Amino acid sequence: MEKQALLSATGPQDYDDSINPAPLPASSVAAFPEVPQNEEWASAPPAEMLDDVAGYEGTIAGGEGGFVLPPISITETTRRDEPRPQREWSIPTITEDMAREAFIQFASSKCCYSSRPAKEMVFRDLRAFNTYRYRLESFTESRSTEWKMIPFKGQFVDSSAYGMAPLPWNIIVPMPPMFQDNVSKVPVPHTSSTKGCHSCMSLGKIACNKCTATGMVKCWVCKGRGYQFSDDRCTHCNGTGLQRCDNCSGQGTRACQTCRGSGQLMLFIQLTVQWKNNIFEGIADRQSGLPLELYGKINGQSIFTEQQSRVNPIVSFPDNQINQASQTAIQEHATQLARTSPIIQQRQTIEFIPITQVQYEWKEKEYTYFTCGTENRVYAPDYPAKCCCCSIL
């Protein structure tokens, strides 16, 4: 996820984290089964075994697969839905009573804090810093292909005899829910064929490398001598110095791991479809003095959500940093994503994060604290009555 701080903020580290913040969601049916997900069975065949398939000339065996550029008809989706009328923005504020109650709860939650300053303080100033969090989500789809092989056990072979292989972007694959990352792997129709196993020369078995195909290995008791510490004959191997190979059960051969003993392989082109939720996020910080890293722990109030095939930049928000962030995010996603990974849907949101700086006096000295987020969590870097040995996050 890409995050961007529109303005930075610095400050000391004393934060009430007793409340956990909330966590930062058209399908068609494919006409073919899913590929087995066991990579040992669905491995890469040698290059000399690959067939020529029209439209898949660049597909290779192994690696990450060949990335397939979408057709121009898909990439040229620059149309945007009609812009909606910009709304009136309503920004909530905090009162002195709310600020005092939050401060008292904060002090009471700390075992080594006295609640007297929170109860006895005199307010000097409440300054609201209207802070906003902007997020753009662009849900994209990308496709790649590569050759795979699995042991042939008599299953149906969807070969070119059943038709021409469809191009990668013409294959229907079920789509996951919007804005959820997902990967689907399916065989490309009409690309399957059977080949003799290259590892065992189509025999289904290979020579055991432990016993060099003899079926016997040195006795582990007498180390192949045939006798033990004295001239007594080894009772484990009956004096032969040899014992049956446990790797091949004395057969001298074992089942080929490539074809699982069948002697035959089925080759096919595998299509990998990846859906990804690409996120741009930025904080419009008003230089309140609250450390920027604390914003990830603060819950905001959603004041705007828009979801369309293509969203338009926000232009009339009271804080121009949000207008600029919206324009930058939409432009970046259009430039970086749309050419190779078509954007299916976009969603942009604005959260209002209440930040209030409270200046107060206690015992003729002035102090400062902050109330943050929708829960009015407190950040108090210089609380005047606390145990010095207590570590506060």
Protein backbone atom coordinates (compact mmCIF):
# COMPACT_ATOMS: atom_id res chain seq x y z
CA MET A 1 0.00 0.00 0.00
CA GLU A 2 1.31 3.44 -0.91
CA LYS A 3 1.11 5.99 1.89
CA GLN A 4 1.94 9.66 1.67
CA ALA A 5 2.04 12.33 4.34
CA LEU A 6 0.94 15.60 2.82
CA LEU A 7 2.52 17.51 5.71
CA SER A 8 4.76 16.14 8.44
CA ALA A 9 4.33 16.55 12.18
CA THR A 10 6.67 16.01 15.12
CA GLY A 11 6.20 15.74 18.87
CA PRO A 12 6.96 13.69 22.03
CA GLN A 13 5.76 10.13 22.62
CA ASP A 14 3.02 9.70 25.25
CA TYR A 15 -0.15 8.17 23.89
CA ASP A 16 -3.20 6.37 25.24
CA ASP A 17 -3.49 3.17 23.16
CA SER A 18 -6.01 1.35 25.35
CA ILE A 19 -8.58 1.41 22.54
CA ASN A 20 -7.72 -0.56 19.44
CA PRO A 21 -8.44 1.23 16.16
CA ALA A 22 -10.76 -0.39 13.62
CA PRO A 23 -9.01 -2.36 10.85
CA LEU A 24 -8.32 -0.61 7.70
CA PRO A 25 -13.79 -5.52 0.73
CA ALA A 26 -19.63 -9.78 -11.25
CA SER A 27 -18.63 -12.95 -11.55
CA SER A 28 -18.82 -15.47 -14.35
CA VAL A 29 -18.15 -19.18 -14.22
CA ALA A 30 -15.08 -20.71 -15.83
CA ALA A 31 -15.75 -23.65 -18.10
CA PHE A 32 -12.75 -25.65 -16.91
CA PRO A 33 -11.38 -27.00 -13.61
CA GLU A 34 -8.79 -25.37 -11.39
CA VAL A 35 -5.16 -26.46 -11.78
CA PRO A 36 -3.78 -28.56 -8.90
CA GLN A 37 -1.99 -26.21 -6.56
CA ASN A 38 0.79 -28.67 -5.64
CA GLU A 39 3.81 -27.10 -7.29
CA GLU A 40 5.72 -30.42 -7.31
CA TRP A 41 3.02 -31.89 -9.54
CA ALA A 42 2.38 -28.75 -11.59
CA SER A 43 6.02 -28.04 -12.47
CA ALA A 44 7.80 -26.69 -15.52
CA PRO A 45 8.48 -29.01 -18.51
CA PRO A 46 11.69 -28.83 -20.56
CA ALA A 47 11.61 -26.33 -23.42
CA GLU A 48 12.01 -29.02 -26.08
CA MET A 49 8.69 -30.59 -25.06
CA LEU A 50 6.60 -27.46 -25.63
CA ASP A 51 4.09 -27.23 -28.47
CA ASP A 52 3.46 -24.21 -30.66
CA VAL A 53 0.15 -22.60 -29.68
CA ALA A 54 -1.17 -19.65 -31.69
CA GLY A 55 -1.33 -16.53 -29.54
CA TYR A 56 1.00 -17.98 -26.90
CA GLU A 57 4.32 -17.89 -28.75
CA GLY A 58 6.05 -16.00 -25.93
CA THR A 59 4.89 -18.34 -23.17
CA ILE A 60 7.80 -20.08 -21.44
CA ALA A 61 8.17 -22.88 -18.93
CA GLY A 62 8.84 -21.99 -15.31
CA GLY A 63 9.70 -18.63 -13.84
CA GLU A 64 7.04 -16.07 -13.10
CA GLY A 65 5.21 -16.64 -16.37
CA GLY A 66 4.83 -14.33 -19.33
CA PHE A 67 2.94 -11.13 -18.50
CA VAL A 68 0.18 -10.55 -21.06
CA LEU A 69 -0.65 -6.98 -22.06
CA PRO A 70 -4.39 -6.33 -22.18
CA PRO A 71 -6.01 -5.51 -25.53
CA ILE A 72 -6.30 -1.86 -26.49
CA SER A 73 -10.06 -2.09 -26.05
CA ILE A 74 -9.50 -2.81 -22.36
CA THR A 75 -6.66 -0.37 -21.67
CA GLU A 76 -8.46 2.54 -23.29
CA THR A 77 -11.05 2.81 -20.55
CA THR A 78 -10.57 6.50 -19.95
CA ARG A 79 -14.29 7.19 -19.74
CA ARG A 80 -15.39 8.44 -16.37
CA ASP A 81 -18.84 8.35 -14.92
CA GLU A 82 -20.67 11.65 -14.77
CA PRO A 83 -19.36 13.80 -11.91
CA ARG A 84 -21.70 14.09 -8.98
CA PRO A 85 -22.55 17.47 -7.50
CA GLN A 86 -20.08 18.40 -4.76
CA ARG A 87 -21.68 18.12 -1.34
CA GLU A 88 -21.83 20.47 1.60
CA TRP A 89 -19.22 19.54 4.20
CA SER A 90 -20.19 19.37 7.88
CA ILE A 91 -17.23 19.28 10.30
CA PRO A 92 -17.94 18.38 13.99
CA THR A 93 -16.21 20.12 16.94
CA ILE A 94 -15.35 19.17 20.54
CA THR A 95 -16.58 20.99 23.68
CA GLU A 96 -14.76 21.69 26.97
CA ASP A 97 -16.89 19.10 28.76
CA MET A 98 -15.96 16.44 26.22
CA ALA A 99 -12.28 17.37 26.46
CA ARG A 100 -12.31 17.22 30.29
CA GLU A 101 -14.14 13.88 30.39
CA ALA A 102 -11.65 12.34 27.94
CA PHE A 103 -8.75 13.65 30.04
CA ILE A 104 -10.18 12.23 33.26
CA GLN A 105 -10.71 8.82 31.65
CA PHE A 106 -7.16 8.91 30.33
CA ALA A 107 -5.67 9.65 33.76
CA SER A 108 -7.86 7.05 35.48
CA SER A 109 -6.71 4.35 33.05
CA LYS A 110 -3.05 4.78 34.12
CA CYS A 111 -2.08 3.01 37.32
CA CYS A 112 0.57 5.59 38.23
CA TYR A 113 -1.32 8.74 37.21
CA SER A 114 -3.12 10.97 39.64
CA SER A 115 -6.46 12.19 38.31
CA ARG A 116 -6.22 15.49 40.23
CA PRO A 117 -4.77 17.53 37.33
CA ALA A 118 -7.55 16.33 35.02
CA LYS A 119 -10.24 17.23 37.56
CA GLU A 120 -8.76 20.47 38.88
CA MET A 121 -7.31 21.98 35.68
CA VAL A 122 -8.38 25.35 34.31
CA PHE A 123 -8.87 25.57 30.53
CA ARG A 124 -6.86 28.26 28.79
CA ASP A 125 -7.50 27.40 25.14
CA LEU A 126 -9.04 24.71 22.90
CA ARG A 127 -7.70 24.75 19.38
CA ALA A 128 -9.21 22.43 16.79
CA PHE A 129 -6.98 21.12 13.99
CA ASN A 130 -9.25 19.82 11.27
CA THR A 131 -7.26 16.85 9.96
CA TYR A 132 -8.33 14.58 7.09
CA ARG A 133 -7.27 11.23 5.73
CA TYR A 134 -7.74 10.67 1.98
CA ARG A 135 -7.68 7.23 0.35
CA LEU A 136 -7.99 6.10 -3.26
CA GLU A 137 -8.46 2.40 -4.03
CA SER A 138 -8.05 1.15 -7.61
CA PHE A 139 -9.06 -2.49 -8.16
CA THR A 140 -7.05 -3.92 -11.07
CA GLU A 141 -6.66 -7.18 -12.97
CA SER A 142 -3.52 -8.56 -14.63
CA ARG A 143 -2.92 -11.81 -16.55
CA SER A 144 0.15 -13.98 -17.22
CA THR A 145 0.74 -17.40 -18.80
CA GLU A 146 3.32 -20.17 -18.44
CA TRP A 147 3.70 -23.84 -19.35
CA LYS A 148 3.01 -26.46 -16.69
CA MET A 149 2.96 -30.24 -16.48
CA ILE A 150 1.33 -32.83 -14.24
CA PRO A 151 1.50 -36.66 -14.19
CA PHE A 152 -0.90 -38.17 -16.71
CA LYS A 153 -3.23 -40.65 -15.00
CA GLY A 154 -5.82 -41.08 -17.72
CA GLN A 155 -7.62 -37.77 -17.12
CA PHE A 156 -9.31 -35.87 -19.95
CA VAL A 157 -6.86 -34.16 -22.30
CA ASP A 158 -8.29 -30.91 -23.65
CA SER A 159 -6.12 -30.80 -26.77
CA SER A 160 -6.19 -28.63 -29.89
CA ALA A 161 -8.48 -31.24 -31.47
CA TYR A 162 -11.34 -29.61 -29.51
CA GLY A 163 -10.73 -26.15 -30.92
CA MET A 164 -8.36 -23.22 -31.05
CA ALA A 165 -6.99 -21.91 -27.76
CA PRO A 166 -8.70 -18.65 -26.75
CA LEU A 167 -6.48 -15.64 -26.14
CA PRO A 168 -5.65 -14.90 -22.48
CA TRP A 169 -7.99 -11.91 -22.12
CA ASN A 170 -10.87 -13.79 -23.78
CA ILE A 171 -10.95 -16.48 -21.08
CA ILE A 172 -13.76 -16.08 -18.55
CA VAL A 173 -12.50 -16.40 -14.96
CA PRO A 174 -14.72 -15.80 -11.87
CA MET A 175 -14.02 -12.42 -10.32
CA PRO A 176 -13.63 -12.03 -6.52
CA PRO A 177 -15.50 -9.34 -4.55
CA MET A 178 -14.45 -5.81 -5.38
CA PHE A 179 -11.34 -4.41 -3.66
CA GLN A 180 -10.14 -7.81 -2.41
CA ASP A 181 -6.74 -9.19 -3.49
CA ASN A 182 -6.99 -12.60 -5.13
CA VAL A 183 -5.14 -14.94 -7.50
CA SER A 184 -6.74 -17.59 -9.74
CA LYS A 185 -4.85 -20.17 -11.80
CA VAL A 186 -6.62 -22.09 -14.58
CA PRO A 187 -5.52 -24.14 -17.61
CA VAL A 188 -5.97 -22.48 -20.98
CA PRO A 189 -8.57 -24.48 -22.95
CA HIS A 190 -7.34 -26.63 -25.85
CA THR A 191 -3.62 -26.40 -24.94
CA SER A 192 -3.21 -29.80 -23.25
CA SER A 193 -1.17 -32.67 -24.68
CA THR A 194 0.48 -35.86 -23.41
CA LYS A 195 4.19 -36.58 -23.61
CA GLY A 196 6.46 -39.37 -22.49
CA CYS A 197 8.19 -38.54 -19.21
CA HIS A 198 11.65 -37.12 -19.87
CA SER A 199 12.96 -38.05 -16.42
CA CYS A 200 12.43 -41.82 -16.71
CA MET A 201 12.33 -42.25 -20.51
CA SER A 202 8.60 -43.13 -20.21
CA LEU A 203 9.38 -46.17 -17.99
CA GLY A 204 7.67 -44.84 -14.88
CA LYS A 205 10.66 -45.77 -12.72
CA ILE A 206 14.28 -44.80 -12.31
CA ALA A 207 17.36 -46.50 -10.90
CA CYS A 208 17.80 -46.13 -7.16
CA ASN A 209 20.79 -43.86 -6.57
CA LYS A 210 21.33 -45.12 -3.02
CA CYS A 211 22.09 -48.72 -4.01
CA THR A 212 23.08 -47.97 -7.63
CA ALA A 213 20.23 -50.16 -8.89
CA THR A 214 21.54 -53.31 -7.08
CA GLY A 215 18.89 -53.40 -4.38
CA MET A 216 21.56 -53.91 -1.71
CA VAL A 217 23.66 -51.57 0.44
CA LYS A 218 26.38 -52.04 3.06
CA CYS A 219 25.21 -53.46 6.38
CA TRP A 220 25.03 -50.61 8.85
CA VAL A 221 25.94 -52.88 11.78
CA CYS A 222 29.23 -54.31 10.50
CA LYS A 223 29.94 -51.57 7.96
CA GLY A 224 30.10 -54.17 5.16
CA ARG A 225 32.79 -56.32 6.80
CA GLY A 226 30.55 -59.33 7.46
CA TYR A 227 31.76 -59.67 11.04
CA GLN A 228 31.56 -57.58 14.18
CA PHE A 229 34.18 -56.78 16.82
CA SER A 230 35.57 -60.34 16.93
CA ASP A 231 35.62 -63.00 14.31
CA ASP A 232 31.95 -63.66 14.95
CA ARG A 233 29.82 -63.48 11.88
CA CYS A 234 27.46 -60.45 11.72
CA THR A 235 24.02 -61.67 12.64
CA HIS A 236 22.33 -58.67 11.03
CA CYS A 237 23.51 -59.44 7.49
CA ASN A 238 24.34 -63.11 8.09
CA GLY A 239 27.95 -62.44 7.21
CA THR A 240 27.32 -61.09 3.72
CA GLY A 241 28.13 -57.49 4.61
CA LEU A 242 25.04 -56.41 2.66
CA GLN A 243 21.44 -55.61 3.52
CA ARG A 244 18.35 -54.72 1.53
CA CYS A 245 18.12 -51.10 0.40
CA ASP A 246 15.31 -49.38 2.25
CA ASN A 247 15.09 -46.60 -0.34
CA CYS A 248 13.79 -48.94 -3.05
CA SER A 249 12.75 -51.94 -0.88
CA GLY A 250 15.43 -54.03 -2.59
CA GLN A 251 13.99 -53.53 -6.07
CA GLY A 252 16.88 -51.49 -7.43
CA THR A 253 14.41 -49.01 -8.89
CA ARG A 254 11.87 -46.58 -7.51
CA ALA A 255 8.86 -44.72 -8.89
CA CYS A 256 9.71 -41.65 -10.96
CA GLN A 257 8.81 -38.55 -8.96
CA THR A 258 8.15 -36.49 -12.10
CA CYS A 259 5.39 -38.66 -13.54
CA ARG A 260 4.49 -40.47 -10.29
CA GLY A 261 5.17 -43.81 -11.95
CA SER A 262 2.85 -43.36 -14.93
CA GLY A 263 5.57 -42.77 -17.50
CA GLN A 264 3.41 -40.06 -19.10
CA LEU A 265 2.96 -36.32 -18.54
CA MET A 266 0.20 -33.90 -19.46
CA LEU A 267 1.43 -30.47 -20.56
CA PHE A 268 -0.75 -27.36 -20.68
CA ILE A 269 -0.55 -23.58 -20.55
CA GLN A 270 -1.61 -22.14 -17.22
CA LEU A 271 -3.28 -18.74 -17.00
CA THR A 272 -2.71 -16.79 -13.81
CA VAL A 273 -5.16 -13.96 -13.10
CA GLN A 274 -4.26 -11.55 -10.31
CA TRP A 275 -6.67 -9.03 -8.85
CA LYS A 276 -5.08 -6.35 -6.68
CA ASN A 277 -6.40 -3.47 -4.63
CA ASN A 278 -3.93 -0.63 -5.15
CA ILE A 279 -4.15 1.99 -2.41
CA PHE A 280 -3.00 5.60 -2.21
CA GLU A 281 -3.37 7.16 1.25
CA GLY A 282 -2.45 10.59 2.54
CA ILE A 283 -2.90 12.68 5.68
CA ALA A 284 -3.62 16.39 5.45
CA ASP A 285 -1.91 17.40 8.69
CA ARG A 286 -2.42 20.92 10.00
CA GLN A 287 0.90 21.08 11.94
CA SER A 288 -0.84 20.37 15.22
CA GLY A 289 2.28 18.91 16.83
CA LEU A 290 0.81 15.41 17.00
CA PRO A 291 3.41 12.83 15.82
CA LEU A 292 2.51 11.66 12.33
CA GLU A 293 2.99 7.97 13.17
CA LEU A 294 0.12 8.15 15.67
CA TYR A 295 -2.46 8.76 12.94
CA GLY A 296 -2.41 5.05 12.08
CA LYS A 297 -3.82 4.34 15.58
CA ILE A 298 -6.59 6.92 15.35
CA ASN A 299 -10.08 6.20 14.06
CA GLY A 300 -11.68 8.84 11.90
CA GLN A 301 -15.22 9.61 10.86
CA SER A 302 -16.11 8.88 7.25
CA ILE A 303 -17.52 12.03 5.67
CA PHE A 304 -17.29 11.14 1.98
CA THR A 305 -17.29 7.93 -0.11
CA GLU A 306 -17.49 7.63 -3.88
CA GLN A 307 -17.28 4.44 -5.94
CA GLN A 308 -17.41 4.31 -9.74
CA SER A 309 -15.65 2.67 -12.64
CA ARG A 310 -13.54 5.85 -12.68
CA VAL A 311 -13.82 8.51 -10.00
CA ASN A 312 -13.29 12.20 -10.65
CA PRO A 313 -10.91 14.37 -8.62
CA ILE A 314 -12.44 16.14 -5.63
CA VAL A 315 -12.41 19.87 -6.29
CA SER A 316 -14.49 21.69 -3.66
CA PHE A 317 -13.33 20.24 -0.33
CA PRO A 318 -12.61 22.97 2.27
CA ASP A 319 -9.02 21.75 2.75
CA ASN A 320 -7.25 22.17 -0.59
CA GLN A 321 -4.64 19.55 0.39
CA ILE A 322 -7.35 16.92 -0.03
CA ASN A 323 -8.31 18.29 -3.45
CA GLN A 324 -4.65 18.09 -4.49
CA ALA A 325 -4.23 14.59 -3.02
CA SER A 326 -7.27 13.35 -4.94
CA GLN A 327 -5.98 14.78 -8.21
CA THR A 328 -2.47 13.37 -7.64
CA ALA A 329 -3.72 9.90 -6.66
CA ILE A 330 -6.07 9.54 -9.61
CA GLN A 331 -3.39 10.71 -12.04
CA GLU A 332 -0.76 8.36 -10.57
CA HIS A 333 -3.02 5.32 -10.72
CA ALA A 334 -4.09 6.13 -14.27
CA THR A 335 -0.46 6.45 -15.35
CA GLN A 336 1.08 3.55 -13.42
CA LEU A 337 -1.69 0.95 -13.50
CA ALA A 338 -4.10 1.32 -16.39
CA ARG A 339 -1.61 0.52 -19.17
CA THR A 340 -0.81 -3.00 -17.94
CA SER A 341 -3.51 -3.78 -15.36
CA PRO A 342 -6.97 -2.53 -16.37
CA ILE A 343 -8.75 -0.67 -13.57
CA ILE A 344 -12.08 -2.36 -12.90
CA GLN A 345 -13.41 -0.10 -10.14
CA GLN A 346 -12.25 2.85 -8.05
CA ARG A 347 -13.27 4.09 -4.63
CA GLN A 348 -12.18 7.27 -2.89
CA THR A 349 -12.94 8.19 0.71
CA ILE A 350 -12.31 11.07 3.09
CA GLU A 351 -12.16 10.62 6.85
CA PHE A 352 -12.33 13.48 9.31
CA ILE A 353 -9.89 12.95 12.19
CA PRO A 354 -10.80 15.20 15.13
CA ILE A 355 -7.61 16.63 16.66
CA THR A 356 -7.97 19.22 19.42
CA GLN A 357 -5.04 20.82 21.24
CA VAL A 358 -6.01 21.68 24.81
CA GLN A 359 -3.97 24.19 26.83
CA TYR A 360 -4.68 24.17 30.55
CA GLU A 361 -3.29 25.38 33.88
CA TRP A 362 -2.73 23.38 37.07
CA LYS A 363 -0.93 24.66 40.16
CA GLU A 364 0.03 27.85 38.33
CA LYS A 365 1.81 26.00 35.52
CA GLU A 366 0.66 25.57 31.94
CA TYR A 367 0.46 22.22 30.13
CA THR A 368 -0.87 20.82 26.85
CA TYR A 369 -2.64 17.65 25.74
CA PHE A 370 -4.52 16.44 22.66
CA THR A 371 -7.82 14.68 22.14
CA CYS A 372 -7.68 12.50 19.04
CA GLY A 373 -10.08 10.60 16.81
CA THR A 374 -13.71 9.69 17.15
CA GLU A 375 -13.11 8.06 20.56
CA ASN A 376 -11.42 11.22 21.93
CA ARG A 377 -8.28 9.31 22.84
CA VAL A 378 -5.73 11.40 24.72
CA TYR A 379 -2.11 12.15 23.92
CA ALA A 380 -0.48 13.86 26.92
CA PRO A 381 3.30 14.25 26.62
CA ASP A 382 3.75 16.31 29.80
CA TYR A 383 1.11 15.06 32.26
CA PRO A 384 2.04 16.80 35.52
CA ALA A 385 1.29 14.04 38.08
CA LYS A 386 2.70 10.67 37.15
CA CYS A 387 5.21 8.18 38.49
CA CYS A 388 8.60 8.74 36.88
CA CYS A 389 9.24 4.98 36.59
CA CYS A 390 6.20 4.34 34.45
CA SER A 391 6.70 3.95 30.70
CA ILE A 392 3.80 5.36 28.73
CA LEU A 393 3.32 4.64 25.04
